Amino acid sequence: MAIRVAVFEDNKLVRDSFEAILNGTDGFICTGSFSSCSNLNQDMKRSQPDVVLMDIEMNGVNGIEATKKIRQ
């Protein structure tokens, strides 16, 4: 069973790289790749990840605040 990973990263090159690495590595699948946390609840429900890779410094809701919301 693959580990489901969601990526939140505002830099497109980095985000696309994480997605390619995850999808190209046995045992992992990228279930969602998002440029911001503006739709955090919807994105989390849609992607249903086991793990979240979160950029800390993003515009709007930053990664620290988003992580707090996810944990709640």
Protein backbone atom coordinates (compact mmCIF):
# COMPACT_ATOMS: atom_id res chain seq x y z
CA MET A 1 0.00 0.00 0.00
CA ALA A 2 1.46 3.35 -1.08
CA ILE A 3 1.87 6.26 1.30
CA ARG A 4 -0.40 9.07 0.10
CA VAL A 5 1.29 12.49 0.13
CA ALA A 6 -0.13 15.98 -0.45
CA VAL A 7 2.27 18.79 -1.34
CA PHE A 8 1.66 22.45 -0.48
CA GLU A 9 4.33 24.60 -2.14
CA ASP A 10 4.04 28.00 -3.83
CA ASN A 11 7.12 27.54 -6.05
CA LYS A 12 5.91 25.67 -9.16
CA LEU A 13 9.30 24.14 -9.99
CA VAL A 14 9.74 22.77 -6.46
CA ARG A 15 6.10 21.59 -6.31
CA ASP A 16 6.35 19.80 -9.65
CA SER A 17 9.67 18.24 -8.61
CA PHE A 18 8.21 16.86 -5.38
CA GLU A 19 5.26 15.45 -7.31
CA ALA A 20 7.52 13.77 -9.88
CA ILE A 21 9.81 12.31 -7.21
CA LEU A 22 6.89 10.98 -5.16
CA ASN A 23 5.10 9.45 -8.16
CA GLY A 24 8.36 7.95 -9.40
CA THR A 25 9.26 6.30 -6.09
CA ASP A 26 7.87 2.91 -5.14
CA GLY A 27 5.68 3.09 -2.05
CA PHE A 28 4.62 6.74 -2.53
CA ILE A 29 1.92 8.53 -4.50
CA CYS A 30 1.24 12.25 -4.70
CA THR A 31 -2.49 12.65 -4.15
CA GLY A 32 -2.51 16.43 -4.45
CA SER A 33 -0.20 19.28 -5.34
CA PHE A 34 -1.30 22.76 -4.28
CA SER A 35 0.18 26.26 -4.69
CA SER A 36 -1.46 27.74 -1.59
CA CYS A 37 -3.50 26.92 1.48
CA SER A 38 -6.43 29.12 0.51
CA ASN A 39 -8.67 26.05 0.01
CA LEU A 40 -7.03 23.92 2.68
CA ASN A 41 -10.09 22.05 3.94
CA GLN A 42 -11.32 21.21 0.45
CA ASP A 43 -7.82 20.21 -0.73
CA MET A 44 -7.31 17.92 2.26
CA LYS A 45 -10.70 16.25 1.80
CA ARG A 46 -10.09 15.75 -1.91
CA SER A 47 -6.54 14.38 -1.61
CA GLN A 48 -6.96 12.29 1.59
CA PRO A 49 -3.19 12.20 2.33
CA ASP A 50 -1.36 10.14 4.93
CA VAL A 51 1.45 12.72 4.95
CA VAL A 52 1.62 16.42 4.07
CA LEU A 53 4.73 18.19 2.74
CA MET A 54 4.15 21.82 3.72
CA ASP A 55 6.02 24.94 2.64
CA ILE A 56 6.39 27.19 5.67
CA GLU A 57 6.66 30.55 3.89
CA MET A 58 3.64 31.01 1.62
CA ASN A 59 1.49 34.05 0.91
CA GLY A 60 -1.87 34.18 2.63
CA VAL A 61 -2.14 31.30 5.09
CA ASN A 62 1.45 30.27 5.87
CA GLY A 63 2.52 26.66 6.37
CA ILE A 64 2.66 26.89 10.16
CA GLU A 65 -0.92 28.15 10.43
CA ALA A 66 -2.09 25.59 7.86
CA THR A 67 -0.42 22.78 9.80
CA LYS A 68 -2.20 23.90 12.97
CA LYS A 69 -5.53 23.77 11.11
CA ILE A 70 -4.77 20.30 9.71
CA ARG A 71 -3.93 18.96 13.16
CA GLN A 72 -7.23 20.21 14.58
